[in-house]
PDB file of all heavy atoms in Angstrom:
ATOM      1  N   LYS A   1      -9.017 -10.595   0.035  1.00  0.00           N
ATOM      2  CA  LYS A   1      -9.494  -9.596  -0.912  1.00  0.00           C
ATOM      3  C   LYS A   1      -8.711  -8.293  -0.819  1.00  0.00           C
ATOM      4  O   LYS A   1      -8.428  -7.653  -1.816  1.00  0.00           O
ATOM      5  CB  LYS A   1     -10.981  -9.339  -0.670  1.00  0.00           C
ATOM      6  CG  LYS A   1     -11.637  -8.452  -1.707  1.00  0.00           C
ATOM      7  CD  LYS A   1     -13.125  -8.347  -1.440  1.00  0.00           C
ATOM      8  CE  LYS A   1     -13.817  -7.468  -2.476  1.00  0.00           C
ATOM      9  NZ  LYS A   1     -15.283  -7.370  -2.218  1.00  0.00           N
ATOM     10  N   GLY A   2      -8.373  -7.885   0.393  1.00  0.00           N
ATOM     11  CA  GLY A   2      -7.594  -6.666   0.570  1.00  0.00           C
ATOM     12  C   GLY A   2      -8.428  -5.403   0.539  1.00  0.00           C
ATOM     13  O   GLY A   2      -9.652  -5.429   0.429  1.00  0.00           O
ATOM     14  N   ILE A   3      -7.741  -4.266   0.613  1.00  0.00           N
ATOM     15  CA  ILE A   3      -8.369  -2.949   0.689  1.00  0.00           C
ATOM     16  C   ILE A   3      -7.765  -2.066  -0.389  1.00  0.00           C
ATOM     17  O   ILE A   3      -6.576  -2.152  -0.665  1.00  0.00           O
ATOM     18  CB  ILE A   3      -8.090  -2.292   2.054  1.00  0.00           C
ATOM     19  CG1 ILE A   3      -8.529  -3.210   3.190  1.00  0.00           C
ATOM     20  CG2 ILE A   3      -8.752  -0.926   2.162  1.00  0.00           C
ATOM     21  CD1 ILE A   3      -7.985  -2.792   4.527  1.00  0.00           C
ATOM     22  N   LYS A   4      -8.550  -1.186  -0.981  1.00  0.00           N
ATOM     23  CA  LYS A   4      -8.042  -0.217  -1.942  1.00  0.00           C
ATOM     24  C   LYS A   4      -8.241   1.189  -1.383  1.00  0.00           C
ATOM     25  O   LYS A   4      -9.329   1.549  -0.940  1.00  0.00           O
ATOM     26  CB  LYS A   4      -8.758  -0.345  -3.286  1.00  0.00           C
ATOM     27  CG  LYS A   4      -8.455  -1.639  -4.029  1.00  0.00           C
ATOM     28  CD  LYS A   4      -6.976  -1.758  -4.376  1.00  0.00           C
ATOM     29  CE  LYS A   4      -6.701  -3.052  -5.125  1.00  0.00           C
ATOM     30  NZ  LYS A   4      -5.244  -3.218  -5.417  1.00  0.00           N
ATOM     31  N   LEU A   5      -7.173   1.962  -1.400  1.00  0.00           N
ATOM     32  CA  LEU A   5      -7.222   3.333  -0.906  1.00  0.00           C
ATOM     33  C   LEU A   5      -7.485   4.308  -2.049  1.00  0.00           C
ATOM     34  O   LEU A   5      -7.088   4.060  -3.188  1.00  0.00           O
ATOM     35  CB  LEU A   5      -5.894   3.696  -0.239  1.00  0.00           C
ATOM     36  CG  LEU A   5      -5.543   2.954   1.046  1.00  0.00           C
ATOM     37  CD1 LEU A   5      -4.139   3.339   1.501  1.00  0.00           C
ATOM     38  CD2 LEU A   5      -6.554   3.259   2.133  1.00  0.00           C
ATOM     39  N   PRO A   6      -8.122   5.440  -1.773  1.00  0.00           N
ATOM     40  CA  PRO A   6      -8.268   6.473  -2.808  1.00  0.00           C
ATOM     41  C   PRO A   6      -6.901   7.046  -3.178  1.00  0.00           C
ATOM     42  O   PRO A   6      -5.957   6.990  -2.381  1.00  0.00           O
ATOM     43  CB  PRO A   6      -9.148   7.527  -2.123  1.00  0.00           C
ATOM     44  CG  PRO A   6      -8.964   7.295  -0.660  1.00  0.00           C
ATOM     45  CD  PRO A   6      -8.740   5.822  -0.501  1.00  0.00           C
ATOM     46  N   LYS A   7      -6.787   7.596  -4.380  1.00  0.00           N
ATOM     47  CA  LYS A   7      -5.507   8.118  -4.849  1.00  0.00           C
ATOM     48  C   LYS A   7      -5.049   9.341  -4.069  1.00  0.00           C
ATOM     49  O   LYS A   7      -3.848   9.613  -3.968  1.00  0.00           O
ATOM     50  CB  LYS A   7      -5.593   8.458  -6.339  1.00  0.00           C
ATOM     51  CG  LYS A   7      -5.810   7.250  -7.229  1.00  0.00           C
ATOM     52  CD  LYS A   7      -5.873   7.646  -8.692  1.00  0.00           C
ATOM     53  CE  LYS A   7      -6.077   6.431  -9.583  1.00  0.00           C
ATOM     54  NZ  LYS A   7      -6.166   6.817 -11.017  1.00  0.00           N
ATOM     55  N   ASN A   8      -5.996  10.078  -3.527  1.00  0.00           N
ATOM     56  CA  ASN A   8      -5.664  11.263  -2.740  1.00  0.00           C
ATOM     57  C   ASN A   8      -6.201  11.118  -1.329  1.00  0.00           C
ATOM     58  O   ASN A   8      -7.321  10.654  -1.140  1.00  0.00           O
ATOM     59  CB  ASN A   8      -6.245  12.517  -3.398  1.00  0.00           C
ATOM     60  CG  ASN A   8      -5.535  12.856  -4.693  1.00  0.00           C
ATOM     61  OD1 ASN A   8      -4.318  12.978  -4.724  1.00  0.00           O
ATOM     62  ND2 ASN A   8      -6.306  12.993  -5.769  1.00  0.00           N
ATOM     63  N   PRO A   9      -5.433  11.490  -0.289  1.00  0.00           N
ATOM     64  CA  PRO A   9      -4.095  12.073  -0.419  1.00  0.00           C
ATOM     65  C   PRO A   9      -3.064  11.040  -0.880  1.00  0.00           C
ATOM     66  O   PRO A   9      -3.217   9.857  -0.589  1.00  0.00           O
ATOM     67  CB  PRO A   9      -3.794  12.567   1.002  1.00  0.00           C
ATOM     68  CG  PRO A   9      -4.584  11.641   1.882  1.00  0.00           C
ATOM     69  CD  PRO A   9      -5.837  11.341   1.125  1.00  0.00           C
ATOM     70  N   LYS A  10      -2.022  11.516  -1.549  1.00  0.00           N
ATOM     71  CA  LYS A  10      -1.008  10.618  -2.078  1.00  0.00           C
ATOM     72  C   LYS A  10      -0.217   9.941  -0.961  1.00  0.00           C
ATOM     73  O   LYS A  10       0.194   8.789  -1.087  1.00  0.00           O
ATOM     74  CB  LYS A  10      -0.066  11.376  -3.009  1.00  0.00           C
ATOM     75  CG  LYS A  10      -0.738  11.859  -4.295  1.00  0.00           C
ATOM     76  CD  LYS A  10       0.241  12.549  -5.209  1.00  0.00           C
ATOM     77  CE  LYS A  10      -0.439  12.981  -6.500  1.00  0.00           C
ATOM     78  NZ  LYS A  10       0.495  13.676  -7.422  1.00  0.00           N
ATOM     79  N   LEU A  11       0.024  10.662   0.134  1.00  0.00           N
ATOM     80  CA  LEU A  11       0.700  10.097   1.299  1.00  0.00           C
ATOM     81  C   LEU A  11      -0.312   9.974   2.429  1.00  0.00           C
ATOM     82  O   LEU A  11      -1.024  10.935   2.743  1.00  0.00           O
ATOM     83  CB  LEU A  11       1.876  10.976   1.738  1.00  0.00           C
ATOM     84  CG  LEU A  11       3.016  11.124   0.736  1.00  0.00           C
ATOM     85  CD1 LEU A  11       4.111  11.997   1.321  1.00  0.00           C
ATOM     86  CD2 LEU A  11       3.584   9.766   0.337  1.00  0.00           C
ATOM     87  N   THR A  12      -0.380   8.809   3.047  1.00  0.00           N
ATOM     88  CA  THR A  12      -1.419   8.578   4.043  1.00  0.00           C
ATOM     89  C   THR A  12      -0.986   7.501   5.031  1.00  0.00           C
ATOM     90  O   THR A  12       0.170   7.088   5.058  1.00  0.00           O
ATOM     91  CB  THR A  12      -2.730   8.176   3.339  1.00  0.00           C
ATOM     92  OG1 THR A  12      -3.770   8.101   4.303  1.00  0.00           O
ATOM     93  CG2 THR A  12      -2.584   6.843   2.614  1.00  0.00           C
ATOM     94  N   TRP A  13      -1.918   7.049   5.845  1.00  0.00           N
ATOM     95  CA  TRP A  13      -1.691   5.969   6.804  1.00  0.00           C
ATOM     96  C   TRP A  13      -1.999   4.622   6.142  1.00  0.00           C
ATOM     97  O   TRP A  13      -2.805   4.539   5.228  1.00  0.00           O
ATOM     98  CB  TRP A  13      -2.632   6.113   7.992  1.00  0.00           C
ATOM     99  CG  TRP A  13      -2.429   7.311   8.858  1.00  0.00           C
ATOM    100  CD1 TRP A  13      -2.835   8.593   8.603  1.00  0.00           C
ATOM    101  CD2 TRP A  13      -1.812   7.337  10.145  1.00  0.00           C
ATOM    102  NE1 TRP A  13      -2.505   9.416   9.648  1.00  0.00           N
ATOM    103  CE2 TRP A  13      -1.877   8.665  10.622  1.00  0.00           C
ATOM    104  CE3 TRP A  13      -1.212   6.370  10.960  1.00  0.00           C
ATOM    105  CZ2 TRP A  13      -1.361   9.052  11.852  1.00  0.00           C
ATOM    106  CZ3 TRP A  13      -0.703   6.762  12.196  1.00  0.00           C
ATOM    107  CH2 TRP A  13      -0.771   8.077  12.634  1.00  0.00           C
ATOM    108  N   ASP A  14      -1.377   3.589   6.657  1.00  0.00           N
ATOM    109  CA  ASP A  14      -1.821   2.233   6.330  1.00  0.00           C
ATOM    110  C   ASP A  14      -3.211   2.078   6.953  1.00  0.00           C
ATOM    111  O   ASP A  14      -3.402   2.374   8.136  1.00  0.00           O
ATOM    112  CB  ASP A  14      -0.839   1.210   6.918  1.00  0.00           C
ATOM    113  CG  ASP A  14      -1.191  -0.217   6.571  1.00  0.00           C
ATOM    114  OD1 ASP A  14      -2.319  -0.642   6.914  1.00  0.00           O
ATOM    115  OD2 ASP A  14      -0.344  -0.912   6.009  1.00  0.00           O
ATOM    116  N   PRO A  15      -4.212   1.610   6.201  1.00  0.00           N
ATOM    117  CA  PRO A  15      -5.575   1.530   6.745  1.00  0.00           C
ATOM    118  C   PRO A  15      -5.734   0.539   7.889  1.00  0.00           C
ATOM    119  O   PRO A  15      -6.734   0.590   8.608  1.00  0.00           O
ATOM    120  CB  PRO A  15      -6.412   1.116   5.541  1.00  0.00           C
ATOM    121  CG  PRO A  15      -5.453   0.436   4.631  1.00  0.00           C
ATOM    122  CD  PRO A  15      -4.156   1.173   4.802  1.00  0.00           C
ATOM    123  N   THR A  16      -4.764  -0.361   8.056  1.00  0.00           N
ATOM    124  CA  THR A  16      -4.838  -1.312   9.171  1.00  0.00           C
ATOM    125  C   THR A  16      -4.037  -0.843  10.384  1.00  0.00           C
ATOM    126  O   THR A  16      -3.916  -1.581  11.360  1.00  0.00           O
ATOM    127  CB  THR A  16      -4.333  -2.706   8.735  1.00  0.00           C
ATOM    128  OG1 THR A  16      -2.933  -2.643   8.446  1.00  0.00           O
ATOM    129  CG2 THR A  16      -5.089  -3.206   7.521  1.00  0.00           C
ATOM    130  N   ASP A  17      -3.505   0.375  10.327  1.00  0.00           N
ATOM    131  CA  ASP A  17      -2.737   0.934  11.442  1.00  0.00           C
ATOM    132  C   ASP A  17      -3.711   1.351  12.539  1.00  0.00           C
ATOM    133  O   ASP A  17      -4.567   2.217  12.334  1.00  0.00           O
ATOM    134  CB  ASP A  17      -1.929   2.139  10.960  1.00  0.00           C
ATOM    135  CG  ASP A  17      -0.909   2.618  11.987  1.00  0.00           C
ATOM    136  OD1 ASP A  17      -1.099   2.342  13.196  1.00  0.00           O
ATOM    137  OD2 ASP A  17       0.068   3.273  11.591  1.00  0.00           O
ATOM    138  N   THR A  18      -3.596   0.766  13.723  1.00  0.00           N
ATOM    139  CA  THR A  18      -4.519   1.045  14.826  1.00  0.00           C
ATOM    140  C   THR A  18      -4.074   2.215  15.699  1.00  0.00           C
ATOM    141  O   THR A  18      -4.650   2.444  16.762  1.00  0.00           O
ATOM    142  CB  THR A  18      -4.698  -0.206  15.698  1.00  0.00           C
ATOM    143  OG1 THR A  18      -3.428  -0.633  16.189  1.00  0.00           O
ATOM    144  CG2 THR A  18      -5.348  -1.331  14.905  1.00  0.00           C
ATOM    145  N   ASN A  19      -3.061   2.943  15.260  1.00  0.00           N
ATOM    146  CA  ASN A  19      -2.629   4.146  15.971  1.00  0.00           C
ATOM    147  C   ASN A  19      -3.825   5.097  16.134  1.00  0.00           C
ATOM    148  O   ASN A  19      -4.537   5.395  15.171  1.00  0.00           O
ATOM    149  CB  ASN A  19      -1.515   4.824  15.170  1.00  0.00           C
ATOM    150  CG  ASN A  19      -0.872   5.980  15.921  1.00  0.00           C
ATOM    151  OD1 ASN A  19      -1.537   6.791  16.552  1.00  0.00           O
ATOM    152  ND2 ASN A  19       0.449   6.057  15.830  1.00  0.00           N
ATOM    153  N   LYS A  20      -4.037   5.589  17.338  1.00  0.00           N
ATOM    154  CA  LYS A  20      -5.188   6.451  17.604  1.00  0.00           C
ATOM    155  C   LYS A  20      -5.164   7.735  16.780  1.00  0.00           C
ATOM    156  O   LYS A  20      -6.202   8.359  16.566  1.00  0.00           O
ATOM    157  CB  LYS A  20      -5.241   6.790  19.093  1.00  0.00           C
ATOM    158  CG  LYS A  20      -5.556   5.605  19.986  1.00  0.00           C
ATOM    159  CD  LYS A  20      -5.623   6.010  21.440  1.00  0.00           C
ATOM    160  CE  LYS A  20      -5.951   4.820  22.333  1.00  0.00           C
ATOM    161  NZ  LYS A  20      -6.002   5.195  23.764  1.00  0.00           N
ATOM    162  N   LYS A  21      -3.981   8.134  16.303  1.00  0.00           N
ATOM    163  CA  LYS A  21      -3.872   9.345  15.502  1.00  0.00           C
ATOM    164  C   LYS A  21      -4.324   9.110  14.056  1.00  0.00           C
ATOM    165  O   LYS A  21      -4.479  10.055  13.293  1.00  0.00           O
ATOM    166  CB  LYS A  21      -2.426   9.856  15.512  1.00  0.00           C
ATOM    167  CG  LYS A  21      -1.955  10.329  16.883  1.00  0.00           C
ATOM    168  CD  LYS A  21      -0.524  10.840  16.818  1.00  0.00           C
ATOM    169  CE  LYS A  21      -0.056  11.324  18.183  1.00  0.00           C
ATOM    170  NZ  LYS A  21       1.348  11.831  18.128  1.00  0.00           N
ATOM    171  N   ASN A  22      -4.515   7.856  13.703  1.00  0.00           N
ATOM    172  CA  ASN A  22      -4.936   7.531  12.340  1.00  0.00           C
ATOM    173  C   ASN A  22      -6.436   7.751  12.200  1.00  0.00           C
ATOM    174  O   ASN A  22      -7.242   6.837  12.401  1.00  0.00           O
ATOM    175  CB  ASN A  22      -4.575   6.084  12.000  1.00  0.00           C
ATOM    176  CG  ASN A  22      -5.025   5.683  10.603  1.00  0.00           C
ATOM    177  OD1 ASN A  22      -5.406   6.539   9.804  1.00  0.00           O
ATOM    178  ND2 ASN A  22      -4.963   4.400  10.314  1.00  0.00           N
ATOM    179  N   THR A  23      -6.799   8.952  11.841  1.00  0.00           N
ATOM    180  CA  THR A  23      -8.206   9.275  11.628  1.00  0.00           C
ATOM    181  C   THR A  23      -8.528   9.379  10.147  1.00  0.00           C
ATOM    182  O   THR A  23      -9.663   9.651   9.765  1.00  0.00           O
ATOM    183  CB  THR A  23      -8.554  10.615  12.308  1.00  0.00           C
ATOM    184  OG1 THR A  23      -7.710  11.644  11.781  1.00  0.00           O
ATOM    185  CG2 THR A  23      -8.356  10.525  13.811  1.00  0.00           C
ATOM    186  N   ASP A  24      -7.514   9.179   9.301  1.00  0.00           N
ATOM    187  CA  ASP A  24      -7.694   9.321   7.858  1.00  0.00           C
ATOM    188  C   ASP A  24      -8.192   8.043   7.194  1.00  0.00           C
ATOM    189  O   ASP A  24      -9.145   8.067   6.421  1.00  0.00           O
ATOM    190  CB  ASP A  24      -6.380   9.747   7.190  1.00  0.00           C
ATOM    191  CG  ASP A  24      -5.936  11.126   7.624  1.00  0.00           C
ATOM    192  OD1 ASP A  24      -6.771  11.868   8.176  1.00  0.00           O
ATOM    193  OD2 ASP A  24      -4.763  11.463   7.412  1.00  0.00           O
ATOM    194  N   THR A  25      -7.532   6.933   7.481  1.00  0.00           N
ATOM    195  CA  THR A  25      -7.832   5.701   6.748  1.00  0.00           C
ATOM    196  C   THR A  25      -8.211   4.527   7.641  1.00  0.00           C
ATOM    197  O   THR A  25      -8.345   3.419   7.169  1.00  0.00           O
ATOM    198  CB  THR A  25      -6.620   5.268   5.896  1.00  0.00           C
ATOM    199  OG1 THR A  25      -5.527   4.958   6.775  1.00  0.00           O
ATOM    200  CG2 THR A  25      -6.202   6.358   4.936  1.00  0.00           C
ATOM    201  N   MET A  26      -8.359   4.746   8.952  1.00  0.00           N
ATOM    202  CA  MET A  26      -8.677   3.633   9.835  1.00  0.00           C
ATOM    203  C   MET A  26      -9.988   2.981   9.401  1.00  0.00           C
ATOM    204  O   MET A  26     -11.010   3.647   9.286  1.00  0.00           O
ATOM    205  CB  MET A  26      -8.778   4.096  11.284  1.00  0.00           C
ATOM    206  CG  MET A  26      -8.988   2.956  12.269  1.00  0.00           C
ATOM    207  SD  MET A  26      -9.049   3.539  13.982  1.00  0.00           S
ATOM    208  CE  MET A  26      -7.333   3.925  14.258  1.00  0.00           C
ATOM    209  N   ILE A  27      -9.960   1.691   9.172  1.00  0.00           N
ATOM    210  CA  ILE A  27     -11.134   0.990   8.657  1.00  0.00           C
ATOM    211  C   ILE A  27     -11.990   0.437   9.785  1.00  0.00           C
ATOM    212  O   ILE A  27     -11.485   0.103  10.854  1.00  0.00           O
ATOM    213  CB  ILE A  27     -10.721  -0.154   7.716  1.00  0.00           C
ATOM    214  CG1 ILE A  27      -9.794  -1.132   8.446  1.00  0.00           C
ATOM    215  CG2 ILE A  27     -10.058   0.374   6.461  1.00  0.00           C
ATOM    216  CD1 ILE A  27      -9.486  -2.358   7.638  1.00  0.00           C
ATOM    217  N   LYS A  28     -13.274   0.354   9.538  1.00  0.00           N
ATOM    218  CA  LYS A  28     -14.186  -0.227  10.524  1.00  0.00           C
ATOM    219  C   LYS A  28     -14.318  -1.725  10.327  1.00  0.00           C
ATOM    220  O   LYS A  28     -14.587  -2.466  11.260  1.00  0.00           O
ATOM    221  CB  LYS A  28     -15.554   0.452  10.434  1.00  0.00           C
ATOM    222  CG  LYS A  28     -15.522   1.908  10.870  1.00  0.00           C
ATOM    223  CD  LYS A  28     -16.910   2.511  10.823  1.00  0.00           C
ATOM    224  CE  LYS A  28     -16.879   3.960  11.282  1.00  0.00           C
ATOM    225  NZ  LYS A  28     -18.232   4.587  11.233  1.00  0.00           N
ATOM    226  N   SER A  29     -14.143  -2.166   9.095  1.00  0.00           N
ATOM    227  CA  SER A  29     -14.198  -3.612   8.852  1.00  0.00           C
ATOM    228  C   SER A  29     -13.449  -3.947   7.576  1.00  0.00           C
ATOM    229  O   SER A  29     -13.374  -3.140   6.663  1.00  0.00           O
ATOM    230  CB  SER A  29     -15.646  -4.100   8.739  1.00  0.00           C
ATOM    231  OG  SER A  29     -16.245  -3.550   7.596  1.00  0.00           O
ATOM    232  N   MET A  30     -12.867  -5.116   7.555  1.00  0.00           N
ATOM    233  CA  MET A  30     -12.177  -5.589   6.365  1.00  0.00           C
ATOM    234  C   MET A  30     -12.760  -6.940   6.002  1.00  0.00           C
ATOM    235  O   MET A  30     -12.679  -7.890   6.778  1.00  0.00           O
ATOM    236  CB  MET A  30     -10.665  -5.697   6.606  1.00  0.00           C
ATOM    237  CG  MET A  30      -9.883  -6.108   5.378  1.00  0.00           C
ATOM    238  SD  MET A  30      -8.145  -5.696   5.497  1.00  0.00           S
ATOM    239  CE  MET A  30      -7.662  -6.576   6.970  1.00  0.00           C
ATOM    240  N   THR A  31     -13.392  -7.027   4.842  1.00  0.00           N
ATOM    241  CA  THR A  31     -14.085  -8.256   4.465  1.00  0.00           C
ATOM    242  C   THR A  31     -13.269  -9.063   3.468  1.00  0.00           C
ATOM    243  O   THR A  31     -12.206  -8.662   3.042  1.00  0.00           O
ATOM    244  CB  THR A  31     -15.444  -7.906   3.863  1.00  0.00           C
ATOM    245  OG1 THR A  31     -15.240  -7.072   2.720  1.00  0.00           O
ATOM    246  CG2 THR A  31     -16.319  -7.183   4.856  1.00  0.00           C
ATOM    247  N   GLY A  32     -13.788 -10.198   3.103  1.00  0.00           N
ATOM    248  CA  GLY A  32     -13.121 -11.045   2.137  1.00  0.00           C
ATOM    249  C   GLY A  32     -12.090 -11.955   2.761  1.00  0.00           C
ATOM    250  O   GLY A  32     -11.225 -12.495   2.095  1.00  0.00           O
ATOM    251  N   TYR A  33     -12.160 -12.143   4.081  1.00  0.00           N
ATOM    252  CA  TYR A  33     -11.162 -12.957   4.754  1.00  0.00           C
ATOM    253  C   TYR A  33     -11.666 -14.354   5.107  1.00  0.00           C
ATOM    254  O   TYR A  33     -11.176 -15.004   5.999  1.00  0.00           O
ATOM    255  CB  TYR A  33     -10.635 -12.203   5.989  1.00  0.00           C
ATOM    256  CG  TYR A  33      -9.536 -11.241   5.614  1.00  0.00           C
ATOM    257  CD1 TYR A  33      -9.833 -10.119   4.841  1.00  0.00           C
ATOM    258  CD2 TYR A  33      -8.220 -11.475   5.956  1.00  0.00           C
ATOM    259  CE1 TYR A  33      -8.840  -9.245   4.452  1.00  0.00           C
ATOM    260  CE2 TYR A  33      -7.223 -10.592   5.567  1.00  0.00           C
ATOM    261  CZ  TYR A  33      -7.533  -9.482   4.824  1.00  0.00           C
ATOM    262  OH  TYR A  33      -6.545  -8.617   4.435  1.00  0.00           O
ATOM    263  N   GLY A  34     -12.720 -14.801   4.391  1.00  0.00           N
ATOM    264  CA  GLY A  34     -13.054 -16.208   4.320  1.00  0.00           C
ATOM    265  C   GLY A  34     -13.602 -16.911   5.543  1.00  0.00           C
ATOM    266  O   GLY A  34     -14.240 -16.319   6.379  1.00  0.00           O
ATOM    267  N   LYS A  35     -13.328 -18.174   5.634  1.00  0.00           N
ATOM    268  CA  LYS A  35     -13.961 -19.136   6.539  1.00  0.00           C
ATOM    269  C   LYS A  35     -14.004 -18.703   8.009  1.00  0.00           C
ATOM    270  O   LYS A  35     -14.877 -17.952   8.425  1.00  0.00           O
ATOM    271  CB  LYS A  35     -13.255 -20.475   6.395  1.00  0.00           C
ATOM    272  CG  LYS A  35     -13.322 -21.045   4.980  1.00  0.00           C
ATOM    273  CD  LYS A  35     -12.598 -22.370   4.876  1.00  0.00           C
ATOM    274  CE  LYS A  35     -12.652 -22.891   3.457  1.00  0.00           C
ATOM    275  NZ  LYS A  35     -11.909 -24.162   3.314  1.00  0.00           N
ATOM    276  N   ALA A  36     -13.104 -19.237   8.822  1.00  0.00           N
ATOM    277  CA  ALA A  36     -13.143 -18.917  10.242  1.00  0.00           C
ATOM    278  C   ALA A  36     -12.542 -17.533  10.447  1.00  0.00           C
ATOM    279  O   ALA A  36     -11.440 -17.265  10.020  1.00  0.00           O
ATOM    280  CB  ALA A  36     -12.369 -19.964  11.030  1.00  0.00           C
TER     281      ALA A  36
END
């Protein structure tokens, strides 16, 4: 299913980036990834 980011800020982190400095877009869960 994937993830959709808001349009702003225009430049940001990849939401799947686990860098500890990523406090902008770090996701808590990503759904839509099916079976196992």
